[in-house]
Amino acid sequence: MARKLSLTEVDGALTLAAAPAGLEKFRHSSYPIENHTTIRTETFGLKISGKGDAKICLKNSVGQKLKIYVSDTKITVDRTMAGYKEFSEHFMTEKYSISTAARKKDGAWNLELVFDVSILELFAEDGVDAISTVVYPETPYDRVSWKGDLSVELYEIDA
């Protein structure tokens, strides 16, 4: 995914930020959603704002899950149960399937998740942190649920 790079100040120091670029013309049908919402497309985005600890989970009908955790100190993406993995004994192991970024800002936070069939791009704190990962769900993720004090907006993306 193309990214727009910029410098932003965090705690008095300049930090490189990477936000999605060029996505605006493909976004449509943006609306707030409730916990346990059904997703009707394989290409979508989620804008999430929250306070404190949270867990966000994309799930499919065969029990596969892609999990995102946010705490005061870090953001974690866990794909250990996210989909097809039989092509490699290492692919979905904890060592290769848990990605973590240290949070660079205190207090309330925001995430933008962009999901396209098998790729997750996560942009945290307006691009100050970013995590990318691939997953191979056997059926599309069709539900999103969460725990925590969150506000979630879903948007669809035209291909």
N, C-alpha and C. Protein backbone atom coordinates (compact mmCIF):
# COMPACT_ATOMS: atom_id res chain seq x y z
N MET A 1 0.84 -1.17 0.00
CA MET A 1 0.00 0.00 0.00
C MET A 1 0.89 1.23 0.00
N ALA A 2 0.55 2.18 -0.82
CA ALA A 2 1.30 3.43 -0.87
C ALA A 2 1.12 4.18 0.45
N ARG A 3 2.18 4.85 0.86
CA ARG A 3 2.15 5.58 2.12
C ARG A 3 2.68 6.99 1.92
N LYS A 4 2.08 7.90 2.65
CA LYS A 4 2.56 9.28 2.67
C LYS A 4 3.41 9.44 3.91
N LEU A 5 4.66 9.79 3.72
CA LEU A 5 5.58 9.95 4.84
C LEU A 5 5.62 11.42 5.26
N SER A 6 5.69 11.62 6.56
CA SER A 6 5.79 12.97 7.09
C SER A 6 6.52 12.92 8.43
N LEU A 7 6.96 14.07 8.86
CA LEU A 7 7.56 14.18 10.19
C LEU A 7 6.54 14.77 11.13
N THR A 8 6.43 14.18 12.30
CA THR A 8 5.50 14.68 13.31
C THR A 8 6.24 14.72 14.65
N GLU A 9 5.81 15.57 15.52
CA GLU A 9 6.46 15.70 16.81
C GLU A 9 5.76 14.82 17.85
N VAL A 10 6.55 14.01 18.54
CA VAL A 10 6.05 13.16 19.61
C VAL A 10 6.97 13.37 20.80
N ASP A 11 6.42 13.85 21.89
CA ASP A 11 7.20 14.12 23.10
C ASP A 11 8.44 14.97 22.83
N GLY A 12 8.29 15.98 21.99
CA GLY A 12 9.38 16.91 21.72
C GLY A 12 10.40 16.44 20.71
N ALA A 13 10.22 15.24 20.16
CA ALA A 13 11.16 14.72 19.17
C ALA A 13 10.45 14.47 17.85
N LEU A 14 11.15 14.72 16.74
CA LEU A 14 10.56 14.44 15.43
C LEU A 14 10.55 12.94 15.19
N THR A 15 9.43 12.47 14.68
CA THR A 15 9.22 11.05 14.41
C THR A 15 8.65 10.91 13.01
N LEU A 16 9.09 9.89 12.28
CA LEU A 16 8.57 9.61 10.95
C LEU A 16 7.19 8.96 11.07
N ALA A 17 6.22 9.49 10.34
CA ALA A 17 4.87 8.91 10.31
C ALA A 17 4.58 8.42 8.89
N ALA A 18 3.87 7.31 8.77
CA ALA A 18 3.50 6.74 7.48
C ALA A 18 2.00 6.48 7.48
N ALA A 19 1.28 7.27 6.72
CA ALA A 19 -0.18 7.13 6.63
C ALA A 19 -0.55 6.61 5.25
N PRO A 20 -1.69 5.93 5.10
CA PRO A 20 -2.08 5.45 3.78
C PRO A 20 -2.23 6.61 2.80
N ALA A 21 -1.77 6.41 1.57
CA ALA A 21 -1.85 7.46 0.55
C ALA A 21 -2.63 6.95 -0.65
N GLY A 22 -3.48 7.81 -1.20
CA GLY A 22 -4.23 7.46 -2.40
C GLY A 22 -5.46 6.63 -2.16
N LEU A 23 -5.75 6.31 -0.92
CA LEU A 23 -6.89 5.45 -0.59
C LEU A 23 -8.21 6.21 -0.64
N GLU A 24 -8.15 7.52 -0.47
CA GLU A 24 -9.37 8.33 -0.36
C GLU A 24 -10.34 8.11 -1.52
N LYS A 25 -9.85 8.01 -2.75
CA LYS A 25 -10.74 7.88 -3.90
C LYS A 25 -11.41 6.50 -3.99
N PHE A 26 -10.94 5.54 -3.21
CA PHE A 26 -11.53 4.20 -3.23
C PHE A 26 -12.43 3.92 -2.04
N ARG A 27 -12.41 4.79 -1.02
CA ARG A 27 -13.25 4.62 0.16
C ARG A 27 -14.69 5.02 -0.14
N HIS A 28 -15.64 4.28 0.41
CA HIS A 28 -17.05 4.68 0.34
C HIS A 28 -17.84 3.97 1.43
N SER A 29 -19.06 4.39 1.60
CA SER A 29 -19.99 3.77 2.57
C SER A 29 -19.41 3.69 3.97
N SER A 30 -18.91 4.79 4.47
CA SER A 30 -18.35 4.84 5.81
C SER A 30 -19.47 5.02 6.84
N TYR A 31 -19.44 4.18 7.90
CA TYR A 31 -20.48 4.27 8.91
C TYR A 31 -20.01 3.65 10.22
N PRO A 32 -20.52 4.17 11.36
CA PRO A 32 -20.16 3.57 12.65
C PRO A 32 -20.79 2.19 12.78
N ILE A 33 -20.09 1.30 13.48
CA ILE A 33 -20.62 -0.05 13.67
C ILE A 33 -20.62 -0.41 15.15
N GLU A 34 -21.44 -1.39 15.47
CA GLU A 34 -21.54 -1.92 16.83
C GLU A 34 -20.66 -3.17 16.94
N ASN A 35 -20.38 -3.56 18.16
CA ASN A 35 -19.63 -4.77 18.43
C ASN A 35 -20.35 -5.96 17.80
N HIS A 36 -19.60 -6.93 17.30
CA HIS A 36 -20.11 -8.16 16.67
C HIS A 36 -20.82 -7.88 15.34
N THR A 37 -20.37 -6.88 14.61
CA THR A 37 -20.97 -6.54 13.32
C THR A 37 -20.52 -7.52 12.23
N THR A 38 -21.44 -7.84 11.33
CA THR A 38 -21.13 -8.66 10.16
C THR A 38 -20.52 -7.77 9.08
N ILE A 39 -19.45 -8.24 8.47
CA ILE A 39 -18.78 -7.53 7.37
C ILE A 39 -19.17 -8.23 6.08
N ARG A 40 -19.57 -7.46 5.08
CA ARG A 40 -20.07 -8.05 3.85
C ARG A 40 -19.13 -7.88 2.65
N THR A 41 -17.87 -7.59 2.91
CA THR A 41 -16.90 -7.41 1.84
C THR A 41 -15.53 -7.89 2.30
N GLU A 42 -14.68 -8.31 1.37
CA GLU A 42 -13.34 -8.76 1.72
C GLU A 42 -12.32 -7.63 1.71
N THR A 43 -12.74 -6.45 1.25
CA THR A 43 -11.85 -5.29 1.17
C THR A 43 -12.51 -4.15 1.92
N PHE A 44 -11.94 -3.81 3.07
CA PHE A 44 -12.58 -2.82 3.94
C PHE A 44 -11.55 -2.14 4.82
N GLY A 45 -11.98 -1.09 5.48
CA GLY A 45 -11.16 -0.40 6.45
C GLY A 45 -11.92 -0.20 7.73
N LEU A 46 -11.20 -0.11 8.82
CA LEU A 46 -11.79 0.20 10.12
C LEU A 46 -11.01 1.37 10.72
N LYS A 47 -11.73 2.38 11.14
CA LYS A 47 -11.13 3.48 11.89
C LYS A 47 -11.59 3.30 13.33
N ILE A 48 -10.62 3.18 14.22
CA ILE A 48 -10.91 2.84 15.61
C ILE A 48 -10.25 3.87 16.51
N SER A 49 -11.01 4.36 17.46
CA SER A 49 -10.42 5.21 18.50
C SER A 49 -10.80 4.61 19.84
N GLY A 50 -9.88 4.73 20.78
CA GLY A 50 -10.13 4.12 22.07
C GLY A 50 -9.29 4.70 23.18
N LYS A 51 -9.59 4.20 24.37
CA LYS A 51 -8.86 4.56 25.58
C LYS A 51 -8.54 3.28 26.33
N GLY A 52 -7.33 3.17 26.83
CA GLY A 52 -6.97 2.00 27.62
C GLY A 52 -6.76 0.76 26.78
N ASP A 53 -6.78 -0.38 27.44
CA ASP A 53 -6.54 -1.66 26.78
C ASP A 53 -7.71 -2.06 25.90
N ALA A 54 -7.40 -2.74 24.78
CA ALA A 54 -8.45 -3.20 23.87
C ALA A 54 -7.99 -4.43 23.13
N LYS A 55 -8.98 -5.19 22.67
CA LYS A 55 -8.75 -6.33 21.79
C LYS A 55 -9.75 -6.22 20.65
N ILE A 56 -9.25 -6.27 19.41
CA ILE A 56 -10.09 -6.23 18.21
C ILE A 56 -9.87 -7.56 17.50
N CYS A 57 -10.94 -8.17 17.01
CA CYS A 57 -10.83 -9.49 16.42
C CYS A 57 -11.64 -9.56 15.12
N LEU A 58 -10.97 -9.97 14.04
CA LEU A 58 -11.65 -10.29 12.79
C LEU A 58 -11.81 -11.81 12.77
N LYS A 59 -13.03 -12.29 12.50
CA LYS A 59 -13.32 -13.72 12.56
C LYS A 59 -14.01 -14.17 11.29
N ASN A 60 -13.91 -15.48 11.02
CA ASN A 60 -14.68 -16.05 9.92
C ASN A 60 -15.52 -17.23 10.40
N SER A 61 -16.27 -17.82 9.48
CA SER A 61 -17.23 -18.86 9.84
C SER A 61 -16.58 -20.18 10.23
N VAL A 62 -15.29 -20.37 9.96
CA VAL A 62 -14.62 -21.62 10.32
C VAL A 62 -13.74 -21.45 11.57
N GLY A 63 -13.92 -20.34 12.29
CA GLY A 63 -13.24 -20.14 13.57
C GLY A 63 -11.86 -19.52 13.49
N GLN A 64 -11.44 -19.09 12.32
CA GLN A 64 -10.14 -18.44 12.21
C GLN A 64 -10.26 -16.99 12.68
N LYS A 65 -9.18 -16.48 13.31
CA LYS A 65 -9.22 -15.16 13.93
C LYS A 65 -7.91 -14.42 13.69
N LEU A 66 -8.03 -13.14 13.40
CA LEU A 66 -6.90 -12.23 13.35
C LEU A 66 -7.13 -11.24 14.48
N LYS A 67 -6.18 -11.20 15.45
CA LYS A 67 -6.40 -10.42 16.66
C LYS A 67 -5.42 -9.25 16.75
N ILE A 68 -5.94 -8.13 17.22
CA ILE A 68 -5.14 -6.93 17.44
C ILE A 68 -5.35 -6.52 18.89
N TYR A 69 -4.25 -6.30 19.60
CA TYR A 69 -4.30 -5.87 21.00
C TYR A 69 -3.67 -4.49 21.12
N VAL A 70 -4.26 -3.64 21.94
CA VAL A 70 -3.69 -2.34 22.24
C VAL A 70 -3.59 -2.22 23.76
N SER A 71 -2.43 -1.80 24.23
CA SER A 71 -2.25 -1.52 25.66
C SER A 71 -1.64 -0.13 25.79
N ASP A 72 -1.35 0.28 27.00
CA ASP A 72 -0.72 1.59 27.20
C ASP A 72 0.67 1.66 26.58
N THR A 73 1.32 0.51 26.40
CA THR A 73 2.71 0.53 25.95
C THR A 73 2.96 -0.05 24.57
N LYS A 74 2.00 -0.87 24.05
CA LYS A 74 2.28 -1.50 22.75
C LYS A 74 1.01 -1.85 21.99
N ILE A 75 1.22 -2.14 20.70
CA ILE A 75 0.18 -2.62 19.80
C ILE A 75 0.68 -3.95 19.26
N THR A 76 -0.17 -4.96 19.29
CA THR A 76 0.22 -6.30 18.87
C THR A 76 -0.77 -6.85 17.86
N VAL A 77 -0.26 -7.44 16.78
CA VAL A 77 -1.08 -8.16 15.81
C VAL A 77 -0.70 -9.63 15.93
N ASP A 78 -1.72 -10.49 16.14
CA ASP A 78 -1.51 -11.92 16.34
C ASP A 78 -2.25 -12.68 15.25
N ARG A 79 -1.50 -13.34 14.38
CA ARG A 79 -2.10 -14.12 13.29
C ARG A 79 -1.96 -15.63 13.51
N THR A 80 -1.65 -16.07 14.74
CA THR A 80 -1.41 -17.49 14.98
C THR A 80 -2.62 -18.36 14.68
N MET A 81 -3.83 -17.80 14.70
CA MET A 81 -5.05 -18.56 14.40
C MET A 81 -5.81 -17.94 13.22
N ALA A 82 -5.09 -17.26 12.33
CA ALA A 82 -5.74 -16.42 11.32
C ALA A 82 -6.12 -17.11 10.03
N GLY A 83 -5.63 -18.33 9.79
CA GLY A 83 -6.00 -18.96 8.53
C GLY A 83 -5.11 -20.12 8.15
N TYR A 84 -5.11 -20.41 6.87
CA TYR A 84 -4.36 -21.53 6.30
C TYR A 84 -2.87 -21.37 6.61
N LYS A 85 -2.26 -22.45 7.07
CA LYS A 85 -0.85 -22.39 7.45
C LYS A 85 -0.07 -23.66 7.12
N GLU A 86 -0.72 -24.61 6.52
CA GLU A 86 -0.10 -25.92 6.30
C GLU A 86 1.07 -25.89 5.33
N PHE A 87 1.29 -24.82 4.61
CA PHE A 87 2.40 -24.74 3.67
C PHE A 87 3.75 -24.57 4.36
N SER A 88 3.74 -24.22 5.67
CA SER A 88 5.00 -24.04 6.40
C SER A 88 4.78 -24.33 7.88
N GLU A 89 5.69 -25.09 8.47
CA GLU A 89 5.58 -25.38 9.90
C GLU A 89 5.88 -24.15 10.75
N HIS A 90 6.48 -23.13 10.17
CA HIS A 90 6.88 -21.94 10.92
C HIS A 90 5.92 -20.76 10.77
N PHE A 91 5.15 -20.71 9.69
CA PHE A 91 4.40 -19.52 9.32
C PHE A 91 3.51 -18.98 10.43
N MET A 92 2.71 -19.78 11.06
CA MET A 92 1.78 -19.30 12.07
C MET A 92 2.28 -19.53 13.50
N THR A 93 3.54 -19.85 13.67
CA THR A 93 4.07 -20.01 15.02
C THR A 93 4.20 -18.64 15.68
N GLU A 94 4.26 -18.65 17.00
CA GLU A 94 4.34 -17.39 17.74
C GLU A 94 5.54 -16.55 17.30
N LYS A 95 6.66 -17.19 17.04
CA LYS A 95 7.87 -16.46 16.66
C LYS A 95 7.67 -15.64 15.38
N TYR A 96 6.94 -16.17 14.42
CA TYR A 96 6.78 -15.50 13.13
C TYR A 96 5.41 -14.86 12.94
N SER A 97 4.53 -14.99 13.90
CA SER A 97 3.15 -14.54 13.69
C SER A 97 2.66 -13.48 14.65
N ILE A 98 3.50 -13.04 15.56
CA ILE A 98 3.09 -11.97 16.46
C ILE A 98 3.98 -10.77 16.21
N SER A 99 3.37 -9.68 15.74
CA SER A 99 4.10 -8.44 15.45
C SER A 99 3.73 -7.40 16.50
N THR A 100 4.72 -6.71 17.01
CA THR A 100 4.48 -5.73 18.07
C THR A 100 5.18 -4.42 17.74
N ALA A 101 4.49 -3.33 18.03
CA ALA A 101 5.07 -1.99 17.90
C ALA A 101 4.88 -1.28 19.24
N ALA A 102 5.92 -0.63 19.71
CA ALA A 102 5.81 0.15 20.95
C ALA A 102 5.00 1.40 20.68
N ARG A 103 4.06 1.72 21.56
CA ARG A 103 3.29 2.96 21.41
C ARG A 103 4.19 4.15 21.71
N LYS A 104 4.07 5.16 20.89
CA LYS A 104 4.91 6.35 21.06
C LYS A 104 4.15 7.52 21.68
N LYS A 105 2.83 7.36 21.84
CA LYS A 105 2.01 8.41 22.43
C LYS A 105 1.27 7.84 23.64
N ASP A 106 1.03 8.69 24.61
CA ASP A 106 0.29 8.29 25.81
C ASP A 106 -1.19 8.61 25.65
N GLY A 107 -2.01 7.94 26.46
CA GLY A 107 -3.43 8.28 26.53
C GLY A 107 -4.26 7.65 25.44
N ALA A 108 -5.31 8.37 25.03
CA ALA A 108 -6.23 7.87 24.00
C ALA A 108 -5.44 7.58 22.72
N TRP A 109 -5.97 6.67 21.92
CA TRP A 109 -5.26 6.23 20.72
C TRP A 109 -6.22 6.07 19.55
N ASN A 110 -5.65 5.97 18.34
CA ASN A 110 -6.45 5.69 17.15
C ASN A 110 -5.70 4.72 16.25
N LEU A 111 -6.47 3.89 15.56
CA LEU A 111 -5.94 2.94 14.59
C LEU A 111 -6.73 3.07 13.30
N GLU A 112 -6.07 2.81 12.20
CA GLU A 112 -6.77 2.57 10.95
C GLU A 112 -6.29 1.23 10.44
N LEU A 113 -7.22 0.29 10.26
CA LEU A 113 -6.92 -1.03 9.72
C LEU A 113 -7.43 -1.06 8.30
N VAL A 114 -6.58 -1.43 7.36
CA VAL A 114 -6.98 -1.58 5.97
C VAL A 114 -6.77 -3.05 5.63
N PHE A 115 -7.87 -3.74 5.27
CA PHE A 115 -7.80 -5.17 5.00
C PHE A 115 -8.23 -5.44 3.57
N ASP A 116 -7.38 -6.19 2.83
CA ASP A 116 -7.67 -6.53 1.44
C ASP A 116 -7.42 -8.02 1.24
N VAL A 117 -8.45 -8.83 1.35
CA VAL A 117 -8.48 -10.27 1.13
C VAL A 117 -7.51 -11.04 2.03
N SER A 118 -6.22 -10.75 1.95
CA SER A 118 -5.26 -11.49 2.78
C SER A 118 -4.14 -10.61 3.34
N ILE A 119 -4.28 -9.32 3.24
CA ILE A 119 -3.25 -8.40 3.74
C ILE A 119 -3.88 -7.41 4.71
N LEU A 120 -3.25 -7.28 5.87
CA LEU A 120 -3.67 -6.28 6.85
C LEU A 120 -2.58 -5.22 6.93
N GLU A 121 -2.99 -3.97 6.77
CA GLU A 121 -2.12 -2.82 7.01
C GLU A 121 -2.71 -2.09 8.21
N LEU A 122 -1.93 -1.93 9.26
CA LEU A 122 -2.37 -1.25 10.47
C LEU A 122 -1.56 0.04 10.62
N PHE A 123 -2.27 1.14 10.77
CA PHE A 123 -1.65 2.45 10.99
C PHE A 123 -2.14 2.96 12.34
N ALA A 124 -1.21 3.18 13.27
CA ALA A 124 -1.57 3.62 14.61
C ALA A 124 -1.15 5.05 14.84
N GLU A 125 -1.93 5.76 15.66
CA GLU A 125 -1.59 7.12 16.09
C GLU A 125 -1.27 8.00 14.88
N ASP A 126 -2.17 7.97 13.87
CA ASP A 126 -2.01 8.77 12.65
C ASP A 126 -0.74 8.42 11.89
N GLY A 127 -0.35 7.15 11.91
CA GLY A 127 0.79 6.68 11.13
C GLY A 127 2.12 6.67 11.86
N VAL A 128 2.13 7.05 13.13
CA VAL A 128 3.39 7.03 13.89
C VAL A 128 3.90 5.60 14.03
N ASP A 129 3.01 4.63 14.12
CA ASP A 129 3.37 3.22 14.13
C ASP A 129 2.61 2.53 13.01
N ALA A 130 3.24 1.54 12.38
CA ALA A 130 2.58 0.78 11.32
C ALA A 130 3.02 -0.68 11.40
N ILE A 131 2.07 -1.57 11.14
CA ILE A 131 2.35 -3.00 11.10
C ILE A 131 1.65 -3.55 9.86
N SER A 132 2.36 -4.37 9.09
CA SER A 132 1.78 -5.05 7.93
C SER A 132 1.93 -6.55 8.13
N THR A 133 0.90 -7.30 7.73
CA THR A 133 0.98 -8.76 7.84
C THR A 133 0.10 -9.41 6.78
N VAL A 134 0.46 -10.63 6.41
CA VAL A 134 -0.36 -11.41 5.48
C VAL A 134 -1.00 -12.56 6.24
N VAL A 135 -2.20 -12.91 5.82
CA VAL A 135 -2.94 -14.04 6.38
C VAL A 135 -3.67 -14.73 5.24
N TYR A 136 -4.04 -15.97 5.44
CA TYR A 136 -4.72 -16.72 4.40
C TYR A 136 -5.98 -17.38 4.97
N PRO A 137 -7.01 -16.57 5.27
CA PRO A 137 -8.23 -17.16 5.82
C PRO A 137 -8.88 -18.09 4.78
N GLU A 138 -9.37 -19.23 5.24
CA GLU A 138 -9.99 -20.19 4.32
C GLU A 138 -11.33 -19.71 3.81
N THR A 139 -12.01 -18.90 4.59
CA THR A 139 -13.20 -18.18 4.13
C THR A 139 -13.01 -16.73 4.59
N PRO A 140 -13.65 -15.78 3.94
CA PRO A 140 -13.41 -14.38 4.30
C PRO A 140 -13.78 -14.08 5.76
N TYR A 141 -13.03 -13.17 6.35
CA TYR A 141 -13.43 -12.66 7.66
C TYR A 141 -14.75 -11.94 7.47
N ASP A 142 -15.75 -12.31 8.27
CA ASP A 142 -17.08 -11.73 8.07
C ASP A 142 -17.67 -11.12 9.34
N ARG A 143 -16.87 -11.07 10.41
CA ARG A 143 -17.33 -10.45 11.65
C ARG A 143 -16.19 -9.70 12.32
N VAL A 144 -16.56 -8.60 12.96
CA VAL A 144 -15.59 -7.87 13.76
C VAL A 144 -16.17 -7.72 15.16
N SER A 145 -15.34 -8.00 16.16
CA SER A 145 -15.77 -7.84 17.54
C SER A 145 -14.63 -7.20 18.32
N TRP A 146 -14.95 -6.70 19.50
CA TRP A 146 -13.92 -6.07 20.31
C TRP A 146 -14.29 -6.07 21.78
N LYS A 147 -13.25 -5.86 22.58
CA LYS A 147 -13.39 -5.63 24.01
C LYS A 147 -12.65 -4.34 24.30
N GLY A 148 -13.26 -3.49 25.09
CA GLY A 148 -12.62 -2.23 25.43
C GLY A 148 -13.53 -1.04 25.14
N ASP A 149 -13.06 0.13 25.51
CA ASP A 149 -13.79 1.39 25.32
C ASP A 149 -13.44 1.94 23.94
N LEU A 150 -14.20 1.50 22.91
CA LEU A 150 -13.86 1.82 21.52
C LEU A 150 -15.02 2.48 20.78
N SER A 151 -14.63 3.25 19.79
CA SER A 151 -15.55 3.77 18.77
C SER A 151 -15.01 3.25 17.44
N VAL A 152 -15.86 2.56 16.67
CA VAL A 152 -15.40 1.89 15.45
C VAL A 152 -16.25 2.32 14.26
N GLU A 153 -15.57 2.66 13.18
CA GLU A 153 -16.22 3.04 11.93
C GLU A 153 -15.69 2.12 10.83
N LEU A 154 -16.59 1.58 10.02
CA LEU A 154 -16.21 0.70 8.92
C LEU A 154 -16.39 1.45 7.60
N TYR A 155 -15.47 1.26 6.67
CA TYR A 155 -15.67 1.78 5.32
C TYR A 155 -15.33 0.69 4.32
N GLU A 156 -16.02 0.72 3.20
CA GLU A 156 -15.75 -0.24 2.13
C GLU A 156 -14.77 0.38 1.17
N ILE A 157 -14.05 -0.48 0.46
CA ILE A 157 -13.05 -0.03 -0.50
C ILE A 157 -13.38 -0.64 -1.85
N ASP A 158 -13.51 0.22 -2.87
CA ASP A 158 -13.71 -0.27 -4.24
C ASP A 158 -12.40 -0.79 -4.78
N ALA A 159 -12.46 -1.89 -5.46
CA ALA A 159 -11.23 -2.47 -6.05
C ALA A 159 -10.91 -1.82 -7.37
